[in-house]
Amino acid sequence: MSESGIAEQHVYFFQRGSGNCYKVGKSKEPEKRRRNLQTGSAEELRPCRCVATSDASALETTYIHQLLDDRRVGEQEFFWVTEQELDKAIDEALRFVEEATTLFSEAKQLAKHKPDGQMRDP
């Protein structure tokens, strides 16, 4: 658990072999997940990057997978991208999630106010 009491999740990025194929997934225990995936893989899965987050689903499925969808390998969570393309997608997704989290927090605060007939600035 993190200090906020929210179970920490991770979005992980594993490189398959030495090429430009990467697995993007989420797990509370990325190294354990890598070992499990490695059992069924002829090529080595190398940890490339791991991002701790309180909302792995939003970061992984909703955003990173969408950004990389045209590079997807079949129906799997593997993508044919360069390391630079992957880093760019991760950074863009992190910025988006950070901005969205701030907006959702502000919206929650505004929703607590009772209508008073006053117009608010956006």
PDB file of N, CA and C in Angstrom:
ATOM      1  N   MET A   1       0.834  -1.187   0.000  1.00  0.00           N
ATOM      2  CA  MET A   1       0.000   0.000   0.000  1.00  0.00           C
ATOM      3  C   MET A   1       0.880   1.254   0.000  1.00  0.00           C
ATOM      4  N   SER A   2       0.403   2.261  -0.702  1.00  0.00           N
ATOM      5  CA  SER A   2       1.118   3.525  -0.690  1.00  0.00           C
ATOM      6  C   SER A   2       0.739   4.296   0.563  1.00  0.00           C
ATOM      7  N   GLU A   3       1.379   5.447   0.767  1.00  0.00           N
ATOM      8  CA  GLU A   3       1.093   6.254   1.949  1.00  0.00           C
ATOM      9  C   GLU A   3      -0.354   6.723   1.973  1.00  0.00           C
ATOM     10  N   SER A   4      -0.984   6.869   0.796  1.00  0.00           N
ATOM     11  CA  SER A   4      -2.361   7.342   0.735  1.00  0.00           C
ATOM     12  C   SER A   4      -3.355   6.231   1.037  1.00  0.00           C
ATOM     13  N   GLY A   5      -2.873   4.989   1.202  1.00  0.00           N
ATOM     14  CA  GLY A   5      -3.762   3.875   1.483  1.00  0.00           C
ATOM     15  C   GLY A   5      -4.282   3.199   0.222  1.00  0.00           C
ATOM     16  N   ILE A   6      -3.872   3.676  -0.947  1.00  0.00           N
ATOM     17  CA  ILE A   6      -4.294   3.092  -2.214  1.00  0.00           C
ATOM     18  C   ILE A   6      -3.271   2.032  -2.610  1.00  0.00           C
ATOM     19  N   ALA A   7      -3.767   0.859  -2.998  1.00  0.00           N
ATOM     20  CA  ALA A   7      -2.865  -0.208  -3.420  1.00  0.00           C
ATOM     21  C   ALA A   7      -2.092   0.250  -4.645  1.00  0.00           C
ATOM     22  N   GLU A   8      -0.773   0.159  -4.573  1.00  0.00           N
ATOM     23  CA  GLU A   8       0.064   0.604  -5.676  1.00  0.00           C
ATOM     24  C   GLU A   8       0.060  -0.439  -6.781  1.00  0.00           C
ATOM     25  N   GLN A   9      -0.141   0.036  -7.978  1.00  0.00           N
ATOM     26  CA  GLN A   9      -0.113  -0.798  -9.167  1.00  0.00           C
ATOM     27  C   GLN A   9       1.019  -0.311 -10.046  1.00  0.00           C
ATOM     28  N   HIS A  10       1.352  -1.113 -11.029  1.00  0.00           N
ATOM     29  CA  HIS A  10       2.427  -0.741 -11.947  1.00  0.00           C
ATOM     30  C   HIS A  10       1.999  -1.000 -13.385  1.00  0.00           C
ATOM     31  N   VAL A  11       2.433  -0.149 -14.265  1.00  0.00           N
ATOM     32  CA  VAL A  11       2.358  -0.420 -15.690  1.00  0.00           C
ATOM     33  C   VAL A  11       3.787  -0.758 -16.084  1.00  0.00           C
ATOM     34  N   TYR A  12       3.955  -1.943 -16.651  1.00  0.00           N
ATOM     35  CA  TYR A  12       5.296  -2.406 -16.979  1.00  0.00           C
ATOM     36  C   TYR A  12       5.486  -2.478 -18.488  1.00  0.00           C
ATOM     37  N   PHE A  13       6.748  -2.453 -18.883  1.00  0.00           N
ATOM     38  CA  PHE A  13       7.128  -2.503 -20.291  1.00  0.00           C
ATOM     39  C   PHE A  13       8.286  -3.477 -20.400  1.00  0.00           C
ATOM     40  N   PHE A  14       8.049  -4.602 -21.070  1.00  0.00           N
ATOM     41  CA  PHE A  14       9.071  -5.625 -21.246  1.00  0.00           C
ATOM     42  C   PHE A  14       9.437  -5.698 -22.724  1.00  0.00           C
ATOM     43  N   GLN A  15      10.728  -5.745 -22.991  1.00  0.00           N
ATOM     44  CA  GLN A  15      11.200  -5.919 -24.358  1.00  0.00           C
ATOM     45  C   GLN A  15      11.317  -7.410 -24.645  1.00  0.00           C
ATOM     46  N   ARG A  16      10.764  -7.831 -25.774  1.00  0.00           N
ATOM     47  CA  ARG A  16      10.854  -9.246 -26.165  1.00  0.00           C
ATOM     48  C   ARG A  16      12.089  -9.425 -27.027  1.00  0.00           C
ATOM     49  N   GLY A  17      13.039 -10.202 -26.534  1.00  0.00           N
ATOM     50  CA  GLY A  17      14.287 -10.414 -27.252  1.00  0.00           C
ATOM     51  C   GLY A  17      15.081  -9.119 -27.310  1.00  0.00           C
ATOM     52  N   SER A  18      15.733  -8.895 -28.452  1.00  0.00           N
ATOM     53  CA  SER A  18      16.533  -7.674 -28.585  1.00  0.00           C
ATOM     54  C   SER A  18      15.962  -6.746 -29.663  1.00  0.00           C
ATOM     55  N   GLY A  19      14.767  -7.069 -30.145  1.00  0.00           N
ATOM     56  CA  GLY A  19      14.163  -6.281 -31.210  1.00  0.00           C
ATOM     57  C   GLY A  19      13.255  -5.176 -30.686  1.00  0.00           C
ATOM     58  N   ASN A  20      12.413  -4.678 -31.572  1.00  0.00           N
ATOM     59  CA  ASN A  20      11.509  -3.573 -31.254  1.00  0.00           C
ATOM     60  C   ASN A  20      10.097  -4.058 -30.956  1.00  0.00           C
ATOM     61  N   CYS A  21       9.983  -5.108 -30.169  1.00  0.00           N
ATOM     62  CA  CYS A  21       8.683  -5.621 -29.753  1.00  0.00           C
ATOM     63  C   CYS A  21       8.603  -5.523 -28.235  1.00  0.00           C
ATOM     64  N   TYR A  22       7.556  -4.829 -27.751  1.00  0.00           N
ATOM     65  CA  TYR A  22       7.420  -4.573 -26.318  1.00  0.00           C
ATOM     66  C   TYR A  22       6.059  -5.022 -25.815  1.00  0.00           C
ATOM     67  N   LYS A  23       6.064  -5.589 -24.635  1.00  0.00           N
ATOM     68  CA  LYS A  23       4.837  -5.973 -23.929  1.00  0.00           C
ATOM     69  C   LYS A  23       4.495  -4.838 -22.986  1.00  0.00           C
ATOM     70  N   VAL A  24       3.234  -4.395 -23.039  1.00  0.00           N
ATOM     71  CA  VAL A  24       2.747  -3.346 -22.148  1.00  0.00           C
ATOM     72  C   VAL A  24       1.628  -3.964 -21.323  1.00  0.00           C
ATOM     73  N   GLY A  25       1.786  -3.957 -20.017  1.00  0.00           N
ATOM     74  CA  GLY A  25       0.774  -4.555 -19.161  1.00  0.00           C
ATOM     75  C   GLY A  25       0.736  -3.900 -17.799  1.00  0.00           C
ATOM     76  N   LYS A  26      -0.121  -4.418 -16.933  1.00  0.00           N
ATOM     77  CA  LYS A  26      -0.240  -3.882 -15.579  1.00  0.00           C
ATOM     78  C   LYS A  26      -0.213  -5.028 -14.582  1.00  0.00           C
ATOM     79  N   SER A  27       0.337  -4.736 -13.414  1.00  0.00           N
ATOM     80  CA  SER A  27       0.450  -5.744 -12.373  1.00  0.00           C
ATOM     81  C   SER A  27       0.829  -5.074 -11.060  1.00  0.00           C
ATOM     82  N   LYS A  28       0.434  -5.689  -9.959  1.00  0.00           N
ATOM     83  CA  LYS A  28       0.904  -5.221  -8.650  1.00  0.00           C
ATOM     84  C   LYS A  28       2.331  -5.701  -8.415  1.00  0.00           C
ATOM     85  N   GLU A  29       2.708  -6.785  -9.100  1.00  0.00           N
ATOM     86  CA  GLU A  29       4.043  -7.357  -8.957  1.00  0.00           C
ATOM     87  C   GLU A  29       4.645  -7.614 -10.341  1.00  0.00           C
ATOM     88  N   PRO A  30       5.213  -6.574 -10.966  1.00  0.00           N
ATOM     89  CA  PRO A  30       5.703  -6.718 -12.341  1.00  0.00           C
ATOM     90  C   PRO A  30       6.790  -7.783 -12.532  1.00  0.00           C
ATOM     91  N   GLU A  31       7.682  -7.939 -11.599  1.00  0.00           N
ATOM     92  CA  GLU A  31       8.749  -8.942 -11.770  1.00  0.00           C
ATOM     93  C   GLU A  31       8.163 -10.347 -11.725  1.00  0.00           C
ATOM     94  N   LYS A  32       7.218 -10.574 -10.844  1.00  0.00           N
ATOM     95  CA  LYS A  32       6.546 -11.875 -10.780  1.00  0.00           C
ATOM     96  C   LYS A  32       5.796 -12.119 -12.093  1.00  0.00           C
ATOM     97  N   ARG A  33       5.151 -11.095 -12.607  1.00  0.00           N
ATOM     98  CA  ARG A  33       4.437 -11.195 -13.875  1.00  0.00           C
ATOM     99  C   ARG A  33       5.417 -11.513 -15.011  1.00  0.00           C
ATOM    100  N   ARG A  34       6.588 -10.878 -15.022  1.00  0.00           N
ATOM    101  CA  ARG A  34       7.585 -11.141 -16.050  1.00  0.00           C
ATOM    102  C   ARG A  34       8.028 -12.598 -16.015  1.00  0.00           C
ATOM    103  N   ARG A  35       8.276 -13.109 -14.812  1.00  0.00           N
ATOM    104  CA  ARG A  35       8.702 -14.508 -14.677  1.00  0.00           C
ATOM    105  C   ARG A  35       7.622 -15.458 -15.201  1.00  0.00           C
ATOM    106  N   ASN A  36       6.354 -15.160 -14.888  1.00  0.00           N
ATOM    107  CA  ASN A  36       5.257 -16.007 -15.373  1.00  0.00           C
ATOM    108  C   ASN A  36       5.153 -15.976 -16.895  1.00  0.00           C
ATOM    109  N   LEU A  37       5.271 -14.790 -17.481  1.00  0.00           N
ATOM    110  CA  LEU A  37       5.230 -14.663 -18.937  1.00  0.00           C
ATOM    111  C   LEU A  37       6.437 -15.336 -19.577  1.00  0.00           C
ATOM    112  N   GLN A  38       7.581 -15.245 -18.921  1.00  0.00           N
ATOM    113  CA  GLN A  38       8.820 -15.814 -19.453  1.00  0.00           C
ATOM    114  C   GLN A  38       8.700 -17.322 -19.607  1.00  0.00           C
ATOM    115  N   THR A  39       7.968 -17.960 -18.729  1.00  0.00           N
ATOM    116  CA  THR A  39       7.803 -19.410 -18.780  1.00  0.00           C
ATOM    117  C   THR A  39       7.271 -19.860 -20.134  1.00  0.00           C
ATOM    118  N   GLY A  40       6.365 -19.083 -20.727  1.00  0.00           N
ATOM    119  CA  GLY A  40       5.785 -19.480 -22.005  1.00  0.00           C
ATOM    120  C   GLY A  40       6.421 -18.812 -23.206  1.00  0.00           C
ATOM    121  N   SER A  41       7.549 -18.156 -23.040  1.00  0.00           N
ATOM    122  CA  SER A  41       8.161 -17.418 -24.136  1.00  0.00           C
ATOM    123  C   SER A  41       9.546 -17.962 -24.465  1.00  0.00           C
ATOM    124  N   ALA A  42       9.785 -18.196 -25.767  1.00  0.00           N
ATOM    125  CA  ALA A  42      11.103 -18.670 -26.196  1.00  0.00           C
ATOM    126  C   ALA A  42      12.135 -17.544 -26.137  1.00  0.00           C
ATOM    127  N   GLU A  43      11.666 -16.293 -26.268  1.00  0.00           N
ATOM    128  CA  GLU A  43      12.582 -15.150 -26.230  1.00  0.00           C
ATOM    129  C   GLU A  43      12.570 -14.532 -24.837  1.00  0.00           C
ATOM    130  N   GLU A  44      13.716 -14.005 -24.451  1.00  0.00           N
ATOM    131  CA  GLU A  44      13.833 -13.370 -23.142  1.00  0.00           C
ATOM    132  C   GLU A  44      12.975 -12.107 -23.080  1.00  0.00           C
ATOM    133  N   LEU A  45      12.262 -11.940 -21.982  1.00  0.00           N
ATOM    134  CA  LEU A  45      11.517 -10.712 -21.725  1.00  0.00           C
ATOM    135  C   LEU A  45      12.347  -9.873 -20.763  1.00  0.00           C
ATOM    136  N   ARG A  46      12.791  -8.719 -21.243  1.00  0.00           N
ATOM    137  CA  ARG A  46      13.653  -7.851 -20.440  1.00  0.00           C
ATOM    138  C   ARG A  46      12.874  -6.667 -19.918  1.00  0.00           C
ATOM    139  N   PRO A  47      12.955  -6.409 -18.608  1.00  0.00           N
ATOM    140  CA  PRO A  47      12.302  -5.221 -18.073  1.00  0.00           C
ATOM    141  C   PRO A  47      12.882  -3.975 -18.738  1.00  0.00           C
ATOM    142  N   CYS A  48      12.025  -3.113 -19.199  1.00  0.00           N
ATOM    143  CA  CYS A  48      12.463  -1.916 -19.905  1.00  0.00           C
ATOM    144  C   CYS A  48      12.138  -0.672 -19.070  1.00  0.00           C
ATOM    145  N   ARG A  49      10.927  -0.639 -18.549  1.00  0.00           N
ATOM    146  CA  ARG A  49      10.473   0.509 -17.757  1.00  0.00           C
ATOM    147  C   ARG A  49       9.294   0.057 -16.924  1.00  0.00           C
ATOM    148  N   CYS A  50       9.085   0.714 -15.805  1.00  0.00           N
ATOM    149  CA  CYS A  50       7.969   0.385 -14.922  1.00  0.00           C
ATOM    150  C   CYS A  50       7.497   1.686 -14.277  1.00  0.00           C
ATOM    151  N   VAL A  51       6.181   1.908 -14.292  1.00  0.00           N
ATOM    152  CA  VAL A  51       5.614   3.140 -13.756  1.00  0.00           C
ATOM    153  C   VAL A  51       4.637   2.786 -12.646  1.00  0.00           C
ATOM    154  N   ALA A  52       4.887   3.295 -11.438  1.00  0.00           N
ATOM    155  CA  ALA A  52       3.962   3.102 -10.316  1.00  0.00           C
ATOM    156  C   ALA A  52       2.818   4.090 -10.472  1.00  0.00           C
ATOM    157  N   THR A  53       1.595   3.624 -10.234  1.00  0.00           N
ATOM    158  CA  THR A  53       0.418   4.474 -10.408  1.00  0.00           C
ATOM    159  C   THR A  53      -0.732   3.966  -9.545  1.00  0.00           C
ATOM    160  N   SER A  54      -1.664   4.845  -9.252  1.00  0.00           N
ATOM    161  CA  SER A  54      -2.856   4.425  -8.511  1.00  0.00           C
ATOM    162  C   SER A  54      -3.963   4.005  -9.471  1.00  0.00           C
ATOM    163  N   ASP A  55      -3.776   4.223 -10.775  1.00  0.00           N
ATOM    164  CA  ASP A  55      -4.779   3.843 -11.767  1.00  0.00           C
ATOM    165  C   ASP A  55      -4.113   3.231 -12.995  1.00  0.00           C
ATOM    166  N   ALA A  56      -3.662   2.009 -12.825  1.00  0.00           N
ATOM    167  CA  ALA A  56      -2.954   1.319 -13.914  1.00  0.00           C
ATOM    168  C   ALA A  56      -3.855   1.099 -15.125  1.00  0.00           C
ATOM    169  N   SER A  57      -5.139   0.847 -14.901  1.00  0.00           N
ATOM    170  CA  SER A  57      -6.051   0.612 -16.022  1.00  0.00           C
ATOM    171  C   SER A  57      -6.137   1.825 -16.930  1.00  0.00           C
ATOM    172  N   ALA A  58      -6.279   3.003 -16.353  1.00  0.00           N
ATOM    173  CA  ALA A  58      -6.368   4.220 -17.162  1.00  0.00           C
ATOM    174  C   ALA A  58      -5.078   4.432 -17.937  1.00  0.00           C
ATOM    175  N   LEU A  59      -3.968   4.273 -17.273  1.00  0.00           N
ATOM    176  CA  LEU A  59      -2.686   4.515 -17.920  1.00  0.00           C
ATOM    177  C   LEU A  59      -2.393   3.483 -19.004  1.00  0.00           C
ATOM    178  N   GLU A  60      -2.589   2.213 -18.680  1.00  0.00           N
ATOM    179  CA  GLU A  60      -2.226   1.136 -19.602  1.00  0.00           C
ATOM    180  C   GLU A  60      -3.264   0.953 -20.709  1.00  0.00           C
ATOM    181  N   THR A  61      -4.450   0.527 -20.351  1.00  0.00           N
ATOM    182  CA  THR A  61      -5.454   0.155 -21.336  1.00  0.00           C
ATOM    183  C   THR A  61      -6.082   1.355 -22.028  1.00  0.00           C
ATOM    184  N   THR A  62      -6.507   2.317 -21.240  1.00  0.00           N
ATOM    185  CA  THR A  62      -7.226   3.438 -21.818  1.00  0.00           C
ATOM    186  C   THR A  62      -6.329   4.346 -22.622  1.00  0.00           C
ATOM    187  N   TYR A  63      -5.079   4.495 -22.232  1.00  0.00           N
ATOM    188  CA  TYR A  63      -4.277   5.486 -22.920  1.00  0.00           C
ATOM    189  C   TYR A  63      -3.097   4.922 -23.719  1.00  0.00           C
ATOM    190  N   ILE A  64      -2.187   4.209 -23.094  1.00  0.00           N
ATOM    191  CA  ILE A  64      -0.998   3.736 -23.821  1.00  0.00           C
ATOM    192  C   ILE A  64      -1.392   2.760 -24.935  1.00  0.00           C
ATOM    193  N   HIS A  65      -2.283   1.821 -24.639  1.00  0.00           N
ATOM    194  CA  HIS A  65      -2.715   0.888 -25.680  1.00  0.00           C
ATOM    195  C   HIS A  65      -3.371   1.627 -26.842  1.00  0.00           C
ATOM    196  N   GLN A  66      -4.137   2.671 -26.543  1.00  0.00           N
ATOM    197  CA  GLN A  66      -4.770   3.453 -27.609  1.00  0.00           C
ATOM    198  C   GLN A  66      -3.731   4.179 -28.460  1.00  0.00           C
ATOM    199  N   LEU A  67      -2.732   4.761 -27.811  1.00  0.00           N
ATOM    200  CA  LEU A  67      -1.686   5.467 -28.548  1.00  0.00           C
ATOM    201  C   LEU A  67      -0.919   4.540 -29.487  1.00  0.00           C
ATOM    202  N   LEU A  68      -0.731   3.306 -29.066  1.00  0.00           N
ATOM    203  CA  LEU A  68       0.087   2.363 -29.829  1.00  0.00           C
ATOM    204  C   LEU A  68      -0.739   1.358 -30.634  1.00  0.00           C
ATOM    205  N   ASP A  69      -2.054   1.527 -30.678  1.00  0.00           N
ATOM    206  CA  ASP A  69      -2.944   0.516 -31.253  1.00  0.00           C
ATOM    207  C   ASP A  69      -2.578   0.114 -32.680  1.00  0.00           C
ATOM    208  N   ASP A  70      -2.161   1.058 -33.503  1.00  0.00           N
ATOM    209  CA  ASP A  70      -1.831   0.716 -34.894  1.00  0.00           C
ATOM    210  C   ASP A  70      -0.514  -0.055 -35.010  1.00  0.00           C
ATOM    211  N   ARG A  71       0.179  -0.237 -33.899  1.00  0.00           N
ATOM    212  CA  ARG A  71       1.445  -0.985 -33.876  1.00  0.00           C
ATOM    213  C   ARG A  71       1.293  -2.310 -33.121  1.00  0.00           C
ATOM    214  N   ARG A  72       0.054  -2.659 -32.787  1.00  0.00           N
ATOM    215  CA  ARG A  72      -0.236  -3.859 -31.999  1.00  0.00           C
ATOM    216  C   ARG A  72       0.086  -5.132 -32.789  1.00  0.00           C
ATOM    217  N   VAL A  73       0.575  -6.144 -32.075  1.00  0.00           N
ATOM    218  CA  VAL A  73       0.834  -7.458 -32.652  1.00  0.00           C
ATOM    219  C   VAL A  73      -0.408  -8.308 -32.395  1.00  0.00           C
ATOM    220  N   GLY A  74      -1.216  -8.520 -33.427  1.00  0.00           N
ATOM    221  CA  GLY A  74      -2.448  -9.307 -33.283  1.00  0.00           C
ATOM    222  C   GLY A  74      -3.373  -8.722 -32.225  1.00  0.00           C
ATOM    223  N   GLU A  75      -3.934  -9.579 -31.409  1.00  0.00           N
ATOM    224  CA  GLU A  75      -4.851  -9.160 -30.341  1.00  0.00           C
ATOM    225  C   GLU A  75      -4.143  -9.076 -28.988  1.00  0.00           C
ATOM    226  N   GLN A  76      -2.845  -9.166 -29.001  1.00  0.00           N
ATOM    227  CA  GLN A  76      -2.075  -9.223 -27.760  1.00  0.00           C
ATOM    228  C   GLN A  76      -1.697  -7.838 -27.259  1.00  0.00           C
ATOM    229  N   GLU A  77      -1.004  -7.823 -26.136  1.00  0.00           N
ATOM    230  CA  GLU A  77      -0.503  -6.575 -25.544  1.00  0.00           C
ATOM    231  C   GLU A  77       0.949  -6.331 -25.933  1.00  0.00           C
ATOM    232  N   PHE A  78       1.344  -6.834 -27.092  1.00  0.00           N
ATOM    233  CA  PHE A  78       2.682  -6.596 -27.626  1.00  0.00           C
ATOM    234  C   PHE A  78       2.574  -5.579 -28.754  1.00  0.00           C
ATOM    235  N   PHE A  79       3.591  -4.726 -28.861  1.00  0.00           N
ATOM    236  CA  PHE A  79       3.573  -3.661 -29.856  1.00  0.00           C
ATOM    237  C   PHE A  79       4.929  -3.571 -30.541  1.00  0.00           C
ATOM    238  N   TRP A  80       4.910  -3.389 -31.872  1.00  0.00           N
ATOM    239  CA  TRP A  80       6.137  -3.176 -32.640  1.00  0.00           C
ATOM    240  C   TRP A  80       6.435  -1.690 -32.650  1.00  0.00           C
ATOM    241  N   VAL A  81       7.320  -1.249 -31.778  1.00  0.00           N
ATOM    242  CA  VAL A  81       7.708   0.166 -31.686  1.00  0.00           C
ATOM    243  C   VAL A  81       9.186   0.236 -31.331  1.00  0.00           C
ATOM    244  N   THR A  82       9.781   1.380 -31.632  1.00  0.00           N
ATOM    245  CA  THR A  82      11.150   1.597 -31.177  1.00  0.00           C
ATOM    246  C   THR A  82      11.089   2.013 -29.711  1.00  0.00           C
ATOM    247  N   GLU A  83      12.219   1.954 -29.055  1.00  0.00           N
ATOM    248  CA  GLU A  83      12.271   2.371 -27.650  1.00  0.00           C
ATOM    249  C   GLU A  83      11.897   3.850 -27.526  1.00  0.00           C
ATOM    250  N   GLN A  84      12.302   4.668 -28.498  1.00  0.00           N
ATOM    251  CA  GLN A  84      11.973   6.096 -28.471  1.00  0.00           C
ATOM    252  C   GLN A  84      10.466   6.313 -28.631  1.00  0.00           C
ATOM    253  N   GLU A  85       9.823   5.543 -29.521  1.00  0.00           N
ATOM    254  CA  GLU A  85       8.371   5.653 -29.693  1.00  0.00           C
ATOM    255  C   GLU A  85       7.635   5.229 -28.428  1.00  0.00           C
ATOM    256  N   LEU A  86       8.134   4.183 -27.798  1.00  0.00           N
ATOM    257  CA  LEU A  86       7.527   3.720 -26.553  1.00  0.00           C
ATOM    258  C   LEU A  86       7.670   4.776 -25.467  1.00  0.00           C
ATOM    259  N   ASP A  87       8.874   5.330 -25.316  1.00  0.00           N
ATOM    260  CA  ASP A  87       9.099   6.375 -24.309  1.00  0.00           C
ATOM    261  C   ASP A  87       8.198   7.580 -24.551  1.00  0.00           C
ATOM    262  N   LYS A  88       8.039   7.965 -25.811  1.00  0.00           N
ATOM    263  CA  LYS A  88       7.183   9.107 -26.149  1.00  0.00           C
ATOM    264  C   LYS A  88       5.731   8.821 -25.751  1.00  0.00           C
ATOM    265  N   ALA A  89       5.243   7.614 -26.038  1.00  0.00           N
ATOM    266  CA  ALA A  89       3.867   7.236 -25.675  1.00  0.00           C
ATOM    267  C   ALA A  89       3.683   7.220 -24.160  1.00  0.00           C
ATOM    268  N   ILE A  90       4.666   6.685 -23.450  1.00  0.00           N
ATOM    269  CA  ILE A  90       4.587   6.640 -21.982  1.00  0.00           C
ATOM    270  C   ILE A  90       4.537   8.050 -21.417  1.00  0.00           C
ATOM    271  N   ASP A  91       5.435   8.910 -21.870  1.00  0.00           N
ATOM    272  CA  ASP A  91       5.480  10.285 -21.367  1.00  0.00           C
ATOM    273  C   ASP A  91       4.185  11.037 -21.674  1.00  0.00           C
ATOM    274  N   GLU A  92       3.652  10.845 -22.882  1.00  0.00           N
ATOM    275  CA  GLU A  92       2.386  11.500 -23.247  1.00  0.00           C
ATOM    276  C   GLU A  92       1.245  10.989 -22.372  1.00  0.00           C
ATOM    277  N   ALA A  93       1.212   9.686 -22.141  1.00  0.00           N
ATOM    278  CA  ALA A  93       0.168   9.099 -21.305  1.00  0.00           C
ATOM    279  C   ALA A  93       0.264   9.605 -19.867  1.00  0.00           C
ATOM    280  N   LEU A  94       1.478   9.690 -19.337  1.00  0.00           N
ATOM    281  CA  LEU A  94       1.658  10.183 -17.968  1.00  0.00           C
ATOM    282  C   LEU A  94       1.186  11.625 -17.838  1.00  0.00           C
ATOM    283  N   ARG A  95       1.501  12.468 -18.824  1.00  0.00           N
ATOM    284  CA  ARG A  95       1.035  13.868 -18.805  1.00  0.00           C
ATOM    285  C   ARG A  95      -0.492  13.919 -18.845  1.00  0.00           C
ATOM    286  N   PHE A  96      -1.085  13.120 -19.730  1.00  0.00           N
ATOM    287  CA  PHE A  96      -2.537  13.110 -19.855  1.00  0.00           C
ATOM    288  C   PHE A  96      -3.205  12.683 -18.555  1.00  0.00           C
ATOM    289  N   VAL A  97      -2.738  11.593 -17.967  1.00  0.00           N
ATOM    290  CA  VAL A  97      -3.338  11.083 -16.732  1.00  0.00           C
ATOM    291  C   VAL A  97      -3.173  12.096 -15.601  1.00  0.00           C
ATOM    292  N   GLU A  98      -2.008  12.752 -15.523  1.00  0.00           N
ATOM    293  CA  GLU A  98      -1.779  13.778 -14.489  1.00  0.00           C
ATOM    294  C   GLU A  98      -2.755  14.939 -14.661  1.00  0.00           C
ATOM    295  N   GLU A  99      -2.906  15.407 -15.897  1.00  0.00           N
ATOM    296  CA  GLU A  99      -3.836  16.506 -16.162  1.00  0.00           C
ATOM    297  C   GLU A  99      -5.276  16.091 -15.869  1.00  0.00           C
ATOM    298  N   ALA A 100      -5.657  14.889 -16.288  1.00  0.00           N
ATOM    299  CA  ALA A 100      -7.017  14.400 -16.064  1.00  0.00           C
ATOM    300  C   ALA A 100      -7.295  14.247 -14.570  1.00  0.00           C
ATOM    301  N   THR A 101      -6.320  13.747 -13.828  1.00  0.00           N
ATOM    302  CA  THR A 101      -6.494  13.572 -12.385  1.00  0.00           C
ATOM    303  C   THR A 101      -6.736  14.918 -11.715  1.00  0.00           C
ATOM    304  N   THR A 102      -5.993  15.931 -12.128  1.00  0.00           N
ATOM    305  CA  THR A 102      -6.174  17.277 -11.579  1.00  0.00           C
ATOM    306  C   THR A 102      -7.567  17.800 -11.905  1.00  0.00           C
ATOM    307  N   LEU A 103      -8.001  17.634 -13.149  1.00  0.00           N
ATOM    308  CA  LEU A 103      -9.333  18.103 -13.548  1.00  0.00           C
ATOM    309  C   LEU A 103     -10.439  17.369 -12.795  1.00  0.00           C
ATOM    310  N   PHE A 104     -10.303  16.052 -12.648  1.00  0.00           N
ATOM    311  CA  PHE A 104     -11.314  15.285 -11.913  1.00  0.00           C
ATOM    312  C   PHE A 104     -11.380  15.715 -10.455  1.00  0.00           C
ATOM    313  N   SER A 105     -10.236  15.997  -9.872  1.00  0.00           N
ATOM    314  CA  SER A 105     -10.191  16.455  -8.487  1.00  0.00           C
ATOM    315  C   SER A 105     -10.893  17.811  -8.348  1.00  0.00           C
ATOM    316  N   GLU A 106     -10.612  18.716  -9.289  1.00  0.00           N
ATOM    317  CA  GLU A 106     -11.268  20.033  -9.259  1.00  0.00           C
ATOM    318  C   GLU A 106     -12.776  19.893  -9.461  1.00  0.00           C
ATOM    319  N   ALA A 107     -13.188  19.011 -10.358  1.00  0.00           N
ATOM    320  CA  ALA A 107     -14.618  18.794 -10.608  1.00  0.00           C
ATOM    321  C   ALA A 107     -15.303  18.238  -9.362  1.00  0.00           C
ATOM    322  N   LYS A 108     -14.624  17.351  -8.653  1.00  0.00           N
ATOM    323  CA  LYS A 108     -15.178  16.797  -7.413  1.00  0.00           C
ATOM    324  C   LYS A 108     -15.416  17.909  -6.381  1.00  0.00           C
ATOM    325  N   GLN A 109     -14.438  18.794  -6.268  1.00  0.00           N
ATOM    326  CA  GLN A 109     -14.556  19.906  -5.329  1.00  0.00           C
ATOM    327  C   GLN A 109     -15.710  20.825  -5.723  1.00  0.00           C
ATOM    328  N   LEU A 110     -15.834  21.131  -7.002  1.00  0.00           N
ATOM    329  CA  LEU A 110     -16.930  21.989  -7.469  1.00  0.00           C
ATOM    330  C   LEU A 110     -18.290  21.334  -7.250  1.00  0.00           C
ATOM    331  N   ALA A 111     -18.356  20.025  -7.402  1.00  0.00           N
ATOM    332  CA  ALA A 111     -19.619  19.312  -7.231  1.00  0.00           C
ATOM    333  C   ALA A 111     -20.134  19.383  -5.790  1.00  0.00           C
ATOM    334  N   LYS A 112     -19.261  19.670  -4.848  1.00  0.00           N
ATOM    335  CA  LYS A 112     -19.664  19.773  -3.437  1.00  0.00           C
ATOM    336  C   LYS A 112     -20.405  21.072  -3.144  1.00  0.00           C
ATOM    337  N   HIS A 113     -20.258  22.072  -4.010  1.00  0.00           N
ATOM    338  CA  HIS A 113     -20.902  23.370  -3.785  1.00  0.00           C
ATOM    339  C   HIS A 113     -22.365  23.325  -4.201  1.00  0.00           C
ATOM    340  N   LYS A 114     -23.202  23.894  -3.371  1.00  0.00           N
ATOM    341  CA  LYS A 114     -24.621  24.022  -3.686  1.00  0.00           C
ATOM    342  C   LYS A 114     -24.798  25.197  -4.647  1.00  0.00           C
ATOM    343  N   PRO A 115     -25.768  25.090  -5.566  1.00  0.00           N
ATOM    344  CA  PRO A 115     -26.017  26.219  -6.474  1.00  0.00           C
ATOM    345  C   PRO A 115     -26.404  27.467  -5.677  1.00  0.00           C
ATOM    346  N   ASP A 116     -25.797  28.604  -6.058  1.00  0.00           N
ATOM    347  CA  ASP A 116     -26.101  29.853  -5.367  1.00  0.00           C
ATOM    348  C   ASP A 116     -26.518  30.956  -6.333  1.00  0.00           C
ATOM    349  N   GLY A 117     -26.788  30.569  -7.595  1.00  0.00           N
ATOM    350  CA  GLY A 117     -27.213  31.559  -8.594  1.00  0.00           C
ATOM    351  C   GLY A 117     -26.068  32.338  -9.203  1.00  0.00           C
ATOM    352  N   GLN A 118     -24.851  32.114  -8.751  1.00  0.00           N
ATOM    353  CA  GLN A 118     -23.681  32.819  -9.270  1.00  0.00           C
ATOM    354  C   GLN A 118     -23.055  32.030 -10.418  1.00  0.00           C
ATOM    355  N   MET A 119     -22.611  32.757 -11.436  1.00  0.00           N
ATOM    356  CA  MET A 119     -21.871  32.114 -12.528  1.00  0.00           C
ATOM    357  C   MET A 119     -20.406  32.010 -12.108  1.00  0.00           C
ATOM    358  N   ARG A 120     -19.803  30.897 -12.376  1.00  0.00           N
ATOM    359  CA  ARG A 120     -18.403  30.672 -12.051  1.00  0.00           C
ATOM    360  C   ARG A 120     -17.558  30.793 -13.310  1.00  0.00           C
ATOM    361  N   ASP A 121     -16.363  31.301 -13.163  1.00  0.00           N
ATOM    362  CA  ASP A 121     -15.422  31.344 -14.261  1.00  0.00           C
ATOM    363  C   ASP A 121     -14.934  29.926 -14.532  1.00  0.00           C
ATOM    364  N   PRO A 122     -14.730  29.588 -15.807  1.00  0.00           N
ATOM    365  CA  PRO A 122     -14.233  28.233 -16.118  1.00  0.00           C
ATOM    366  C   PRO A 122     -12.822  28.030 -15.602  1.00  0.00           C
TER     367      PRO A 122
END
